C-alpha atoms as a PDB file:
ATOM      1  CA  MET A   1      22.694 184.178   4.175  1.00  0.00           C
ATOM      2  CA  GLU A   2      21.047 187.545   3.967  1.00  0.00           C
ATOM      3  CA  GLU A   3      17.274 186.583   5.121  1.00  0.00           C
ATOM      4  CA  LEU A   4      19.035 184.575   8.126  1.00  0.00           C
ATOM      5  CA  LYS A   5      20.944 188.189   9.144  1.00  0.00           C
ATOM      6  CA  SER A   6      17.621 189.915   8.540  1.00  0.00           C
ATOM      7  CA  LYS A   7      17.862 191.599  12.227  1.00  0.00           C
ATOM      8  CA  CYS A   8      20.003 192.824  14.595  1.00  0.00           C
ATOM      9  CA  SER A   9      20.673 190.194  17.924  1.00  0.00           C
ATOM     10  CA  LYS A  10      21.420 193.139  20.047  1.00  0.00           C
ATOM     11  CA  CYS A  11      18.338 195.452  19.522  1.00  0.00           C
ATOM     12  CA  GLY A  12      16.453 193.970  16.569  1.00  0.00           C
ATOM     13  CA  GLY A  13      17.097 196.360  14.094  1.00  0.00           C
ATOM     14  CA  ARG A  14      17.507 195.585  10.150  1.00  0.00           C
ATOM     15  CA  MET A  15      20.900 194.117   9.405  1.00  0.00           C
ATOM     16  CA  VAL A  16      22.354 195.368   6.209  1.00  0.00           C
ATOM     17  CA  GLN A  17      25.263 193.550   4.017  1.00  0.00           C
ATOM     18  CA  GLY A  18      29.196 194.726   3.681  1.00  0.00           C
ATOM     19  CA  PHE A  19      32.690 194.653   3.713  1.00  0.00           C
ATOM     20  CA  ILE A  20      35.471 195.961   4.682  1.00  0.00           C
ATOM     21  CA  PRO A  21      37.824 196.149   1.470  1.00  0.00           C
ATOM     22  CA  ASP A  22      41.386 195.329   1.393  1.00  0.00           C
ATOM     23  CA  ARG A  23      42.816 198.028  -0.282  1.00  0.00           C
ATOM     24  CA  LEU A  24      45.421 197.428  -3.080  1.00  0.00           C
ATOM     25  CA  GLY A  25      46.802 200.380  -5.110  1.00  0.00           C
ATOM     26  CA  GLY A  26      44.194 201.878  -6.570  1.00  0.00           C
ATOM     27  CA  GLY A  27      41.661 199.067  -6.456  1.00  0.00           C
ATOM     28  CA  ALA A  28      40.078 197.081  -3.583  1.00  0.00           C
ATOM     29  CA  LEU A  29      39.307 193.356  -2.510  1.00  0.00           C
ATOM     30  CA  VAL A  30      37.020 191.266  -0.507  1.00  0.00           C
ATOM     31  CA  GLY A  31      39.000 190.152   2.763  1.00  0.00           C
ATOM     32  CA  ASN A  32      39.775 186.650   3.621  1.00  0.00           C
ATOM     33  CA  TRP A  33      39.991 184.937   6.625  1.00  0.00           C
ATOM     34  CA  ILE A  34      43.215 183.166   6.738  1.00  0.00           C
ATOM     35  CA  GLU A  35      43.331 180.328   9.452  1.00  0.00           C
ATOM     36  CA  GLY A  36      46.082 180.345  12.079  1.00  0.00           C
ATOM     37  CA  PRO A  37      47.647 183.225  13.682  1.00  0.00           C
ATOM     38  CA  PRO A  38      49.411 186.379  11.842  1.00  0.00           C
ATOM     39  CA  LYS A  39      53.298 186.289  11.132  1.00  0.00           C
ATOM     40  CA  LYS A  40      55.610 188.985  10.075  1.00  0.00           C
ATOM     41  CA  SER A  41      57.071 189.448   7.248  1.00  0.00           C
ATOM     42  CA  PHE A  42      59.927 192.049   6.671  1.00  0.00           C
ATOM     43  CA  TRP A  43      58.739 193.029   3.553  1.00  0.00           C
ATOM     44  CA  THR A  44      54.583 193.414   3.561  1.00  0.00           C
ATOM     45  CA  GLY A  45      54.326 193.676   7.319  1.00  0.00           C
ATOM     46  CA  THR A  46      52.300 190.395   7.485  1.00  0.00           C
ATOM     47  CA  LYS A  47      52.704 186.951   5.430  1.00  0.00           C
ATOM     48  CA  ALA A  48      49.512 185.519   3.582  1.00  0.00           C
ATOM     49  CA  PRO A  49      49.218 183.264   1.111  1.00  0.00           C
ATOM     50  CA  MET A  50      47.933 184.764  -2.205  1.00  0.00           C
ATOM     51  CA  ASP A  51      45.562 181.756  -2.847  1.00  0.00           C
ATOM     52  CA  GLY A  52      42.897 180.298  -0.135  1.00  0.00           C
ATOM     53  CA  GLY A  53      41.301 181.828   2.798  1.00  0.00           C
ATOM     54  CA  ILE A  54      37.826 182.535   3.098  1.00  0.00           C
ATOM     55  CA  PRO A  55      35.579 185.775   1.754  1.00  0.00           C
ATOM     56  CA  ILE A  56      34.356 187.855   4.509  1.00  0.00           C
ATOM     57  CA  ALA A  57      30.831 189.634   4.744  1.00  0.00           C
ATOM     58  CA  VAL A  58      29.678 192.104   7.313  1.00  0.00           C
ATOM     59  CA  PHE A  59      26.340 192.827   8.031  1.00  0.00           C
ATOM     60  CA  ARG A  60      25.884 196.281  10.395  1.00  0.00           C
ATOM     61  CA  CYS A  61      22.721 197.013  12.219  1.00  0.00           C
ATOM     62  CA  ALA A  62      20.983 200.466  10.628  1.00  0.00           C
ATOM     63  CA  ASN A  63      19.670 201.515  14.240  1.00  0.00           C
ATOM     64  CA  CYS A  64      22.667 200.616  16.479  1.00  0.00           C
ATOM     65  CA  GLY A  65      25.732 199.585  14.391  1.00  0.00           C
ATOM     66  CA  PHE A  66      26.335 196.196  15.879  1.00  0.00           C
ATOM     67  CA  MET A  67      28.136 194.210  13.610  1.00  0.00           C
ATOM     68  CA  GLU A  68      28.910 190.427  12.880  1.00  0.00           C
ATOM     69  CA  PHE A  69      31.130 189.320  10.914  1.00  0.00           C
ATOM     70  CA  TYR A  70      31.182 185.727   8.781  1.00  0.00           C
ATOM     71  CA  SER A  71      33.322 184.031   6.366  1.00  0.00           C
ATOM     72  CA  ARG A  72      31.835 181.671   3.308  1.00  0.00           C
ATOM     73  CA  ASP A  73      32.807 180.614   0.011  1.00  0.00           C
ATOM     74  CA  GLU A  74      29.640 182.921  -1.497  1.00  0.00           C
ATOM     75  CA  PHE A  75      30.781 186.768  -0.185  1.00  0.00           C
ATOM     76  CA  ALA A  76      33.461 186.356  -2.919  1.00  0.00           C
ATOM     77  CA  ALA A  77      32.993 189.405  -5.308  1.00  0.00           C
ATOM     78  CA  SER A  78      30.714 188.617  -8.358  1.00  0.00           C
END
């Protein structure tokens, strides 16, 4: 996927792969895309299934800062 997103669609700059972490205690998790609208939870703020979802990667332009988000299984932590 990185080679597919090598150039920014806005300015033509170099795209760099990264992720936006979900913080959990002292650690970080790769964020996941969950189908459907968010639902409120009294205890946690938002209900989300503990399993499932598709990992999210973010490609950011090193020149202009434009970001594109992609959700694919290959973006899970390795």
